[in-house]
């Protein structure tokens, strides 16, 4: 009876060793992938801390053997560059309203499509879903003509309205599907307690939909902040966002890496900070969507 159990025990031990080895190898592999993924960010950050002549002479990895090359003078030049600092403010003035409008309007429309009965509700929702496949490039010329007619072409308002319009179909689709999973009994109980639609939306639906709303806000913020195509066409030349301002710096001076490197790093750090600030809500929203 002892003979059959020995191979079983041996197999069990080998399986445990293989599992542990596999887990260790996987962890090492994931760490290497993560390091490879963030290497450009590290290089950009270290380049932003080096003098222009050092950047032109050697690669950014030299700082590991010559840390005395690190300096914050580039960031001082960045703060003295009114074009870059002004473009950061313009980017905030474009991104924040575009995100807030999409979240607010998308939440209201998503609730309406999920729980309110009105004529043609399903057909209107299908129209919204159909707008998801419309590429931004198709609308650039007609929207430019429309904005020019009403006098908001090359203005911050025009950029905000464009981003809001193209962000709403996805927002409505996402939030409608999330709100539709709320138990009907919960809403009916709130109505029996005398809650109207506005109070039901603000006190019941919005708190339950917090993770999905946070995920939507992060997606919209990152898309608008990193956009260059829409800003290049619709933003005014006197109020460009950071993506356009950096592109103009390259076009005008070409080799002013002492301004471009810190400017690019700052423009990247801000959306990263927003993502990590709402990381918990983002993960909750993604997991809730996966479960549903």
C-alpha atoms as a PDB file:
ATOM      1  CA  UNK A   1       0.000   0.000   0.000  1.00  0.00           C
ATOM      2  CA  UNK A   2       2.964   2.287   0.528  1.00  0.00           C
ATOM      3  CA  UNK A   3       4.208   1.934  -3.060  1.00  0.00           C
ATOM      4  CA  UNK A   4       1.285   3.660  -4.794  1.00  0.00           C
ATOM      5  CA  UNK A   5       1.376   6.546  -2.389  1.00  0.00           C
ATOM      6  CA  UNK A   6       5.056   7.393  -3.044  1.00  0.00           C
ATOM      7  CA  UNK A   7       4.610   8.442  -6.684  1.00  0.00           C
ATOM      8  CA  UNK A   8       1.559  10.430  -5.646  1.00  0.00           C
ATOM      9  CA  UNK A   9       3.527  12.202  -2.949  1.00  0.00           C
ATOM     10  CA  UNK A  10       6.400  12.737  -5.379  1.00  0.00           C
ATOM     11  CA  UNK A  11       4.073  14.159  -7.980  1.00  0.00           C
ATOM     12  CA  UNK A  12       2.480  16.400  -5.428  1.00  0.00           C
ATOM     13  CA  UNK A  13       5.863  17.740  -4.322  1.00  0.00           C
ATOM     14  CA  UNK A  14       7.042  18.286  -7.880  1.00  0.00           C
ATOM     15  CA  UNK A  15       3.780  19.978  -8.723  1.00  0.00           C
ATOM     16  CA  UNK A  16       4.224  22.329  -5.786  1.00  0.00           C
ATOM     17  CA  UNK A  17       7.794  23.097  -6.818  1.00  0.00           C
ATOM     18  CA  UNK A  18       6.726  23.698 -10.421  1.00  0.00           C
ATOM     19  CA  UNK A  19       3.886  25.929  -9.282  1.00  0.00           C
ATOM     20  CA  UNK A  20       6.186  27.974  -7.091  1.00  0.00           C
ATOM     21  CA  UNK A  21       8.800  28.205  -9.824  1.00  0.00           C
ATOM     22  CA  UNK A  22       6.163  29.170 -12.349  1.00  0.00           C
ATOM     23  CA  UNK A  23       4.817  31.841 -10.052  1.00  0.00           C
ATOM     24  CA  UNK A  24       8.300  33.222  -9.440  1.00  0.00           C
ATOM     25  CA  UNK A  25       9.126  33.244 -13.139  1.00  0.00           C
ATOM     26  CA  UNK A  26       5.834  34.962 -13.885  1.00  0.00           C
ATOM     27  CA  UNK A  27       6.494  37.624 -11.288  1.00  0.00           C
ATOM     28  CA  UNK A  28       9.957  38.270 -12.693  1.00  0.00           C
ATOM     29  CA  UNK A  29       8.526  38.449 -16.204  1.00  0.00           C
ATOM     30  CA  UNK A  30       5.830  40.927 -15.151  1.00  0.00           C
ATOM     31  CA  UNK A  31       8.398  43.082 -13.367  1.00  0.00           C
ATOM     32  CA  UNK A  32      10.574  43.142 -16.489  1.00  0.00           C
ATOM     33  CA  UNK A  33       7.581  44.062 -18.647  1.00  0.00           C
ATOM     34  CA  UNK A  34       6.651  46.856 -16.231  1.00  0.00           C
ATOM     35  CA  UNK A  35      10.215  48.197 -16.249  1.00  0.00           C
ATOM     36  CA  UNK A  36      10.327  48.053 -20.048  1.00  0.00           C
ATOM     37  CA  UNK A  37       6.953  49.836 -20.194  1.00  0.00           C
ATOM     38  CA  UNK A  38       7.964  52.712 -17.917  1.00  0.00           C
ATOM     39  CA  UNK A  39      11.500  53.060 -19.339  1.00  0.00           C
ATOM     40  CA  UNK A  40      10.529  55.917 -21.722  1.00  0.00           C
ATOM     41  CA  UNK A  41       8.946  57.772 -18.813  1.00  0.00           C
ATOM     42  CA  UNK A  42      12.076  57.366 -16.715  1.00  0.00           C
ATOM     43  CA  UNK A  43      14.210  58.504 -19.628  1.00  0.00           C
ATOM     44  CA  UNK A  44      12.037  61.556 -20.203  1.00  0.00           C
ATOM     45  CA  UNK A  45      12.175  62.494 -16.526  1.00  0.00           C
ATOM     46  CA  UNK A  46      15.947  62.144 -16.306  1.00  0.00           C
ATOM     47  CA  UNK A  47      16.381  64.077 -19.552  1.00  0.00           C
ATOM     48  CA  UNK A  48      14.289  66.889 -18.122  1.00  0.00           C
ATOM     49  CA  UNK A  49      16.820  67.127 -15.272  1.00  0.00           C
ATOM     50  CA  UNK A  50      19.908  67.444 -17.495  1.00  0.00           C
ATOM     51  CA  UNK A  51      21.458  70.473 -19.130  1.00  0.00           C
ATOM     52  CA  UNK A  52      21.024  70.846 -22.927  1.00  0.00           C
ATOM     53  CA  UNK A  53      24.724  70.292 -23.604  1.00  0.00           C
ATOM     54  CA  UNK A  54      24.684  67.075 -21.557  1.00  0.00           C
ATOM     55  CA  UNK A  55      21.604  65.840 -23.423  1.00  0.00           C
ATOM     56  CA  UNK A  56      23.311  66.523 -26.753  1.00  0.00           C
ATOM     57  CA  UNK A  57      26.525  64.770 -25.683  1.00  0.00           C
ATOM     58  CA  UNK A  58      25.314  61.546 -24.034  1.00  0.00           C
ATOM     59  CA  UNK A  59      22.204  59.519 -23.286  1.00  0.00           C
ATOM     60  CA  UNK A  60      20.048  59.938 -20.211  1.00  0.00           C
ATOM     61  CA  UNK A  61      21.461  56.757 -18.636  1.00  0.00           C
ATOM     62  CA  UNK A  62      24.725  58.586 -17.939  1.00  0.00           C
ATOM     63  CA  UNK A  63      23.123  60.126 -14.837  1.00  0.00           C
ATOM     64  CA  UNK A  64      23.621  56.813 -13.039  1.00  0.00           C
ATOM     65  CA  UNK A  65      27.397  57.289 -13.283  1.00  0.00           C
ATOM     66  CA  UNK A  66      27.392  61.095 -13.184  1.00  0.00           C
ATOM     67  CA  UNK A  67      24.543  62.198 -10.898  1.00  0.00           C
ATOM     68  CA  UNK A  68      26.054  65.679 -10.661  1.00  0.00           C
ATOM     69  CA  UNK A  69      24.534  66.403 -14.079  1.00  0.00           C
ATOM     70  CA  UNK A  70      21.053  66.513 -12.556  1.00  0.00           C
ATOM     71  CA  UNK A  71      19.621  70.008 -12.242  1.00  0.00           C
ATOM     72  CA  UNK A  72      16.233  71.697 -11.930  1.00  0.00           C
ATOM     73  CA  UNK A  73      17.220  74.626 -14.150  1.00  0.00           C
ATOM     74  CA  UNK A  74      15.129  73.246 -17.014  1.00  0.00           C
ATOM     75  CA  UNK A  75      11.992  73.497 -14.910  1.00  0.00           C
ATOM     76  CA  UNK A  76      12.893  77.079 -14.068  1.00  0.00           C
ATOM     77  CA  UNK A  77      13.115  77.819 -17.799  1.00  0.00           C
ATOM     78  CA  UNK A  78       9.779  76.067 -18.215  1.00  0.00           C
ATOM     79  CA  UNK A  79       8.146  78.309 -15.627  1.00  0.00           C
ATOM     80  CA  UNK A  80       9.652  81.327 -17.397  1.00  0.00           C
ATOM     81  CA  UNK A  81       8.171  80.197 -20.727  1.00  0.00           C
ATOM     82  CA  UNK A  82       4.778  81.920 -20.863  1.00  0.00           C
ATOM     83  CA  UNK A  83       3.668  79.852 -23.847  1.00  0.00           C
ATOM     84  CA  UNK A  84       4.032  76.539 -22.009  1.00  0.00           C
ATOM     85  CA  UNK A  85       2.604  77.728 -18.703  1.00  0.00           C
ATOM     86  CA  UNK A  86      -0.314  79.415 -20.454  1.00  0.00           C
ATOM     87  CA  UNK A  87      -0.990  76.265 -22.481  1.00  0.00           C
ATOM     88  CA  UNK A  88      -1.205  74.215 -19.282  1.00  0.00           C
ATOM     89  CA  UNK A  89      -3.906  76.559 -18.012  1.00  0.00           C
ATOM     90  CA  UNK A  90      -5.702  76.362 -21.369  1.00  0.00           C
ATOM     91  CA  UNK A  91      -5.565  72.565 -21.196  1.00  0.00           C
ATOM     92  CA  UNK A  92      -7.196  72.621 -17.771  1.00  0.00           C
ATOM     93  CA  UNK A  93      -9.877  75.026 -19.035  1.00  0.00           C
ATOM     94  CA  UNK A  94     -10.650  72.605 -21.861  1.00  0.00           C
ATOM     95  CA  UNK A  95     -10.343  69.282 -20.031  1.00  0.00           C
ATOM     96  CA  UNK A  96     -12.282  70.012 -16.841  1.00  0.00           C
ATOM     97  CA  UNK A  97     -15.485  71.370 -18.486  1.00  0.00           C
ATOM     98  CA  UNK A  98     -15.396  68.641 -21.142  1.00  0.00           C
ATOM     99  CA  UNK A  99     -15.149  65.964 -18.468  1.00  0.00           C
ATOM    100  CA  UNK A 100     -17.774  67.456 -16.163  1.00  0.00           C
ATOM    101  CA  UNK A 101     -20.288  68.001 -18.976  1.00  0.00           C
ATOM    102  CA  UNK A 102     -19.886  64.468 -20.297  1.00  0.00           C
ATOM    103  CA  UNK A 103     -20.254  62.947 -16.825  1.00  0.00           C
ATOM    104  CA  UNK A 104     -23.312  65.034 -15.880  1.00  0.00           C
ATOM    105  CA  UNK A 105     -25.169  64.801 -19.194  1.00  0.00           C
ATOM    106  CA  UNK A 106     -24.198  61.159 -19.685  1.00  0.00           C
ATOM    107  CA  UNK A 107     -25.446  60.257 -16.205  1.00  0.00           C
ATOM    108  CA  UNK A 108     -28.788  61.946 -16.747  1.00  0.00           C
ATOM    109  CA  UNK A 109     -29.246  60.422 -20.193  1.00  0.00           C
ATOM    110  CA  UNK A 110     -28.096  56.987 -19.011  1.00  0.00           C
ATOM    111  CA  UNK A 111     -30.657  57.043 -16.205  1.00  0.00           C
ATOM    112  CA  UNK A 112     -33.377  58.152 -18.599  1.00  0.00           C
ATOM    113  CA  UNK A 113     -32.620  55.377 -21.073  1.00  0.00           C
ATOM    114  CA  UNK A 114     -32.423  52.802 -18.291  1.00  0.00           C
ATOM    115  CA  UNK A 115     -35.475  53.610 -16.139  1.00  0.00           C
ATOM    116  CA  UNK A 116     -37.737  56.185 -17.758  1.00  0.00           C
ATOM    117  CA  UNK A 117     -40.411  55.363 -20.315  1.00  0.00           C
ATOM    118  CA  UNK A 118     -40.732  57.817 -23.190  1.00  0.00           C
ATOM    119  CA  UNK A 119     -41.692  57.479 -26.868  1.00  0.00           C
ATOM    120  CA  UNK A 120     -38.980  55.972 -29.050  1.00  0.00           C
ATOM    121  CA  UNK A 121     -36.649  55.225 -26.159  1.00  0.00           C
ATOM    122  CA  UNK A 122     -35.152  52.106 -27.708  1.00  0.00           C
ATOM    123  CA  UNK A 123     -34.748  53.727 -31.117  1.00  0.00           C
ATOM    124  CA  UNK A 124     -33.037  56.758 -29.605  1.00  0.00           C
ATOM    125  CA  UNK A 125     -30.676  54.468 -27.712  1.00  0.00           C
ATOM    126  CA  UNK A 126     -29.853  52.576 -30.902  1.00  0.00           C
ATOM    127  CA  UNK A 127     -29.035  55.921 -32.495  1.00  0.00           C
ATOM    128  CA  UNK A 128     -26.674  56.696 -29.637  1.00  0.00           C
ATOM    129  CA  UNK A 129     -25.001  53.298 -30.036  1.00  0.00           C
ATOM    130  CA  UNK A 130     -24.660  53.961 -33.754  1.00  0.00           C
ATOM    131  CA  UNK A 131     -22.817  57.206 -33.050  1.00  0.00           C
ATOM    132  CA  UNK A 132     -20.084  55.219 -31.319  1.00  0.00           C
ATOM    133  CA  UNK A 133     -18.707  54.105 -34.679  1.00  0.00           C
ATOM    134  CA  UNK A 134     -18.553  57.600 -36.176  1.00  0.00           C
ATOM    135  CA  UNK A 135     -14.864  58.611 -36.411  1.00  0.00           C
ATOM    136  CA  UNK A 136     -13.803  62.055 -35.286  1.00  0.00           C
ATOM    137  CA  UNK A 137     -12.183  62.797 -38.648  1.00  0.00           C
ATOM    138  CA  UNK A 138     -15.540  62.624 -40.446  1.00  0.00           C
ATOM    139  CA  UNK A 139     -16.934  65.533 -38.430  1.00  0.00           C
ATOM    140  CA  UNK A 140     -13.957  67.885 -38.570  1.00  0.00           C
ATOM    141  CA  UNK A 141     -14.925  69.795 -41.723  1.00  0.00           C
ATOM    142  CA  UNK A 142     -18.714  70.102 -41.193  1.00  0.00           C
ATOM    143  CA  UNK A 143     -18.296  70.989 -37.512  1.00  0.00           C
ATOM    144  CA  UNK A 144     -15.642  73.560 -38.438  1.00  0.00           C
ATOM    145  CA  UNK A 145     -18.069  75.187 -40.848  1.00  0.00           C
ATOM    146  CA  UNK A 146     -20.828  75.133 -38.221  1.00  0.00           C
ATOM    147  CA  UNK A 147     -18.603  76.650 -35.543  1.00  0.00           C
ATOM    148  CA  UNK A 148     -17.416  79.276 -37.977  1.00  0.00           C
ATOM    149  CA  UNK A 149     -21.015  80.213 -38.796  1.00  0.00           C
ATOM    150  CA  UNK A 150     -22.004  80.667 -35.156  1.00  0.00           C
ATOM    151  CA  UNK A 151     -18.723  82.346 -34.238  1.00  0.00           C
ATOM    152  CA  UNK A 152     -17.048  79.835 -31.900  1.00  0.00           C
ATOM    153  CA  UNK A 153     -14.380  78.470 -34.239  1.00  0.00           C
ATOM    154  CA  UNK A 154     -10.839  78.699 -32.778  1.00  0.00           C
ATOM    155  CA  UNK A 155     -12.203  79.265 -29.287  1.00  0.00           C
ATOM    156  CA  UNK A 156     -11.974  77.261 -26.076  1.00  0.00           C
ATOM    157  CA  UNK A 157     -15.753  76.888 -26.081  1.00  0.00           C
ATOM    158  CA  UNK A 158     -15.640  75.231 -29.481  1.00  0.00           C
ATOM    159  CA  UNK A 159     -13.065  72.676 -28.340  1.00  0.00           C
ATOM    160  CA  UNK A 160     -15.098  71.909 -25.202  1.00  0.00           C
ATOM    161  CA  UNK A 161     -18.310  71.428 -27.185  1.00  0.00           C
ATOM    162  CA  UNK A 162     -16.601  69.142 -29.705  1.00  0.00           C
ATOM    163  CA  UNK A 163     -15.110  66.926 -27.007  1.00  0.00           C
ATOM    164  CA  UNK A 164     -18.404  66.857 -25.141  1.00  0.00           C
ATOM    165  CA  UNK A 165     -20.381  65.866 -28.215  1.00  0.00           C
ATOM    166  CA  UNK A 166     -18.038  63.017 -29.125  1.00  0.00           C
ATOM    167  CA  UNK A 167     -17.711  61.825 -25.548  1.00  0.00           C
ATOM    168  CA  UNK A 168     -21.440  61.576 -24.872  1.00  0.00           C
ATOM    169  CA  UNK A 169     -22.285  58.458 -26.962  1.00  0.00           C
ATOM    170  CA  UNK A 170     -19.820  56.294 -25.063  1.00  0.00           C
ATOM    171  CA  UNK A 171     -20.825  57.872 -21.745  1.00  0.00           C
ATOM    172  CA  UNK A 172     -24.529  57.223 -22.330  1.00  0.00           C
ATOM    173  CA  UNK A 173     -23.895  53.677 -23.525  1.00  0.00           C
ATOM    174  CA  UNK A 174     -21.691  52.850 -20.546  1.00  0.00           C
ATOM    175  CA  UNK A 175     -23.858  54.405 -17.833  1.00  0.00           C
ATOM    176  CA  UNK A 176     -27.148  53.193 -19.264  1.00  0.00           C
ATOM    177  CA  UNK A 177     -25.930  49.593 -19.149  1.00  0.00           C
ATOM    178  CA  UNK A 178     -24.588  50.072 -15.632  1.00  0.00           C
ATOM    179  CA  UNK A 179     -27.737  51.777 -14.305  1.00  0.00           C
ATOM    180  CA  UNK A 180     -29.943  49.102 -15.881  1.00  0.00           C
ATOM    181  CA  UNK A 181     -28.363  46.521 -13.551  1.00  0.00           C
ATOM    182  CA  UNK A 182     -29.636  48.310 -10.445  1.00  0.00           C
ATOM    183  CA  UNK A 183     -32.378  46.156  -8.842  1.00  0.00           C
ATOM    184  CA  UNK A 184     -35.832  47.409  -9.768  1.00  0.00           C
ATOM    185  CA  UNK A 185     -37.083  46.601  -6.285  1.00  0.00           C
ATOM    186  CA  UNK A 186     -34.680  49.152  -4.822  1.00  0.00           C
ATOM    187  CA  UNK A 187     -36.009  51.920  -7.053  1.00  0.00           C
ATOM    188  CA  UNK A 188     -39.612  50.944  -6.421  1.00  0.00           C
ATOM    189  CA  UNK A 189     -39.010  50.998  -2.668  1.00  0.00           C
ATOM    190  CA  UNK A 190     -37.583  54.504  -2.967  1.00  0.00           C
ATOM    191  CA  UNK A 191     -40.605  55.632  -4.981  1.00  0.00           C
ATOM    192  CA  UNK A 192     -42.944  54.177  -2.351  1.00  0.00           C
ATOM    193  CA  UNK A 193     -41.109  56.265   0.238  1.00  0.00           C
ATOM    194  CA  UNK A 194     -42.045  59.357  -1.753  1.00  0.00           C
ATOM    195  CA  UNK A 195     -38.810  59.919  -3.702  1.00  0.00           C
ATOM    196  CA  UNK A 196     -39.267  61.714  -7.011  1.00  0.00           C
ATOM    197  CA  UNK A 197     -37.144  61.094 -10.061  1.00  0.00           C
ATOM    198  CA  UNK A 198     -34.604  63.796  -9.202  1.00  0.00           C
ATOM    199  CA  UNK A 199     -34.192  62.613  -5.638  1.00  0.00           C
ATOM    200  CA  UNK A 200     -34.128  59.001  -6.804  1.00  0.00           C
ATOM    201  CA  UNK A 201     -31.371  59.858  -9.254  1.00  0.00           C
ATOM    202  CA  UNK A 202     -29.228  61.848  -6.818  1.00  0.00           C
ATOM    203  CA  UNK A 203     -29.750  59.733  -3.663  1.00  0.00           C
ATOM    204  CA  UNK A 204     -29.924  56.192  -5.065  1.00  0.00           C
ATOM    205  CA  UNK A 205     -28.653  55.896  -8.612  1.00  0.00           C
ATOM    206  CA  UNK A 206     -25.643  58.211  -8.426  1.00  0.00           C
ATOM    207  CA  UNK A 207     -24.115  56.630  -5.285  1.00  0.00           C
ATOM    208  CA  UNK A 208     -24.556  53.138  -6.726  1.00  0.00           C
ATOM    209  CA  UNK A 209     -23.118  54.234 -10.051  1.00  0.00           C
ATOM    210  CA  UNK A 210     -20.092  55.923  -8.479  1.00  0.00           C
ATOM    211  CA  UNK A 211     -17.487  53.423  -9.757  1.00  0.00           C
ATOM    212  CA  UNK A 212     -18.797  53.556 -13.328  1.00  0.00           C
ATOM    213  CA  UNK A 213     -18.996  57.366 -13.234  1.00  0.00           C
ATOM    214  CA  UNK A 214     -15.436  57.567 -11.898  1.00  0.00           C
ATOM    215  CA  UNK A 215     -14.211  55.260 -14.670  1.00  0.00           C
ATOM    216  CA  UNK A 216     -15.966  57.373 -17.265  1.00  0.00           C
ATOM    217  CA  UNK A 217     -14.486  60.555 -15.824  1.00  0.00           C
ATOM    218  CA  UNK A 218     -10.965  59.121 -15.979  1.00  0.00           C
ATOM    219  CA  UNK A 219     -11.393  57.950 -19.580  1.00  0.00           C
ATOM    220  CA  UNK A 220     -12.777  61.307 -20.676  1.00  0.00           C
ATOM    221  CA  UNK A 221     -10.131  63.295 -18.813  1.00  0.00           C
ATOM    222  CA  UNK A 222      -7.264  61.302 -20.327  1.00  0.00           C
ATOM    223  CA  UNK A 223      -8.726  61.476 -23.828  1.00  0.00           C
ATOM    224  CA  UNK A 224      -9.234  65.237 -23.770  1.00  0.00           C
ATOM    225  CA  UNK A 225      -5.965  66.032 -22.001  1.00  0.00           C
ATOM    226  CA  UNK A 226      -3.872  64.028 -24.492  1.00  0.00           C
ATOM    227  CA  UNK A 227      -5.809  65.130 -27.581  1.00  0.00           C
ATOM    228  CA  UNK A 228      -3.950  66.997 -30.271  1.00  0.00           C
ATOM    229  CA  UNK A 229      -5.994  66.616 -33.464  1.00  0.00           C
ATOM    230  CA  UNK A 230      -9.131  68.410 -32.264  1.00  0.00           C
ATOM    231  CA  UNK A 231      -7.118  71.052 -30.412  1.00  0.00           C
ATOM    232  CA  UNK A 232      -4.917  71.681 -33.447  1.00  0.00           C
ATOM    233  CA  UNK A 233      -7.986  72.445 -35.569  1.00  0.00           C
ATOM    234  CA  UNK A 234     -10.479  74.061 -33.197  1.00  0.00           C
ATOM    235  CA  UNK A 235      -8.284  75.805 -30.602  1.00  0.00           C
ATOM    236  CA  UNK A 236      -7.225  79.386 -31.193  1.00  0.00           C
ATOM    237  CA  UNK A 237      -3.608  80.199 -31.960  1.00  0.00           C
ATOM    238  CA  UNK A 238      -3.519  82.483 -28.925  1.00  0.00           C
ATOM    239  CA  UNK A 239      -4.852  79.810 -26.530  1.00  0.00           C
ATOM    240  CA  UNK A 240      -3.406  76.410 -27.498  1.00  0.00           C
ATOM    241  CA  UNK A 241      -3.425  73.444 -25.089  1.00  0.00           C
ATOM    242  CA  UNK A 242      -0.180  71.841 -23.978  1.00  0.00           C
ATOM    243  CA  UNK A 243      -0.076  69.261 -26.802  1.00  0.00           C
ATOM    244  CA  UNK A 244      -0.271  71.955 -29.476  1.00  0.00           C
ATOM    245  CA  UNK A 245       2.102  74.263 -27.609  1.00  0.00           C
ATOM    246  CA  UNK A 246       4.773  71.573 -27.412  1.00  0.00           C
ATOM    247  CA  UNK A 247       4.344  70.820 -31.096  1.00  0.00           C
ATOM    248  CA  UNK A 248       4.755  74.508 -31.906  1.00  0.00           C
ATOM    249  CA  UNK A 249       7.917  74.659 -29.807  1.00  0.00           C
ATOM    250  CA  UNK A 250       9.403  71.837 -31.857  1.00  0.00           C
ATOM    251  CA  UNK A 251       8.402  73.513 -35.102  1.00  0.00           C
ATOM    252  CA  UNK A 252       9.808  76.902 -34.102  1.00  0.00           C
ATOM    253  CA  UNK A 253      13.053  75.978 -32.359  1.00  0.00           C
ATOM    254  CA  UNK A 254      13.616  72.308 -33.091  1.00  0.00           C
ATOM    255  CA  UNK A 255      16.353  71.597 -30.555  1.00  0.00           C
ATOM    256  CA  UNK A 256      15.099  73.261 -27.358  1.00  0.00           C
ATOM    257  CA  UNK A 257      14.980  69.988 -25.487  1.00  0.00           C
ATOM    258  CA  UNK A 258      15.574  71.849 -22.230  1.00  0.00           C
ATOM    259  CA  UNK A 259      11.991  73.157 -22.505  1.00  0.00           C
ATOM    260  CA  UNK A 260      10.379  70.276 -24.357  1.00  0.00           C
ATOM    261  CA  UNK A 261      11.508  67.524 -21.953  1.00  0.00           C
ATOM    262  CA  UNK A 262      10.160  69.087 -18.732  1.00  0.00           C
ATOM    263  CA  UNK A 263       7.047  70.327 -20.544  1.00  0.00           C
ATOM    264  CA  UNK A 264       6.284  66.856 -21.890  1.00  0.00           C
ATOM    265  CA  UNK A 265       6.917  65.293 -18.485  1.00  0.00           C
ATOM    266  CA  UNK A 266       4.618  67.755 -16.689  1.00  0.00           C
ATOM    267  CA  UNK A 267       1.880  67.214 -19.276  1.00  0.00           C
ATOM    268  CA  UNK A 268       2.170  63.455 -18.659  1.00  0.00           C
ATOM    269  CA  UNK A 269       2.367  63.588 -14.870  1.00  0.00           C
ATOM    270  CA  UNK A 270      -0.923  65.446 -14.396  1.00  0.00           C
ATOM    271  CA  UNK A 271      -3.171  62.782 -16.004  1.00  0.00           C
ATOM    272  CA  UNK A 272      -1.169  60.084 -14.218  1.00  0.00           C
ATOM    273  CA  UNK A 273      -1.845  61.833 -10.921  1.00  0.00           C
ATOM    274  CA  UNK A 274      -5.561  61.977 -11.748  1.00  0.00           C
ATOM    275  CA  UNK A 275      -5.581  58.279 -12.592  1.00  0.00           C
ATOM    276  CA  UNK A 276      -3.827  57.226  -9.390  1.00  0.00           C
ATOM    277  CA  UNK A 277      -6.035  59.527  -7.321  1.00  0.00           C
ATOM    278  CA  UNK A 278      -9.129  57.696  -8.575  1.00  0.00           C
ATOM    279  CA  UNK A 279      -7.503  54.310  -9.076  1.00  0.00           C
ATOM    280  CA  UNK A 280      -9.695  52.558  -6.513  1.00  0.00           C
ATOM    281  CA  UNK A 281     -12.922  53.826  -8.104  1.00  0.00           C
ATOM    282  CA  UNK A 282     -11.615  52.979 -11.566  1.00  0.00           C
ATOM    283  CA  UNK A 283     -10.800  49.388 -10.604  1.00  0.00           C
ATOM    284  CA  UNK A 284     -14.167  49.029  -8.864  1.00  0.00           C
ATOM    285  CA  UNK A 285     -15.953  50.222 -11.980  1.00  0.00           C
ATOM    286  CA  UNK A 286     -14.034  47.869 -14.259  1.00  0.00           C
ATOM    287  CA  UNK A 287     -14.602  44.906 -11.940  1.00  0.00           C
ATOM    288  CA  UNK A 288     -18.301  45.709 -11.588  1.00  0.00           C
ATOM    289  CA  UNK A 289     -18.644  45.847 -15.344  1.00  0.00           C
ATOM    290  CA  UNK A 290     -16.815  42.542 -15.704  1.00  0.00           C
ATOM    291  CA  UNK A 291     -19.034  40.826 -13.149  1.00  0.00           C
ATOM    292  CA  UNK A 292     -22.201  42.142 -14.739  1.00  0.00           C
END
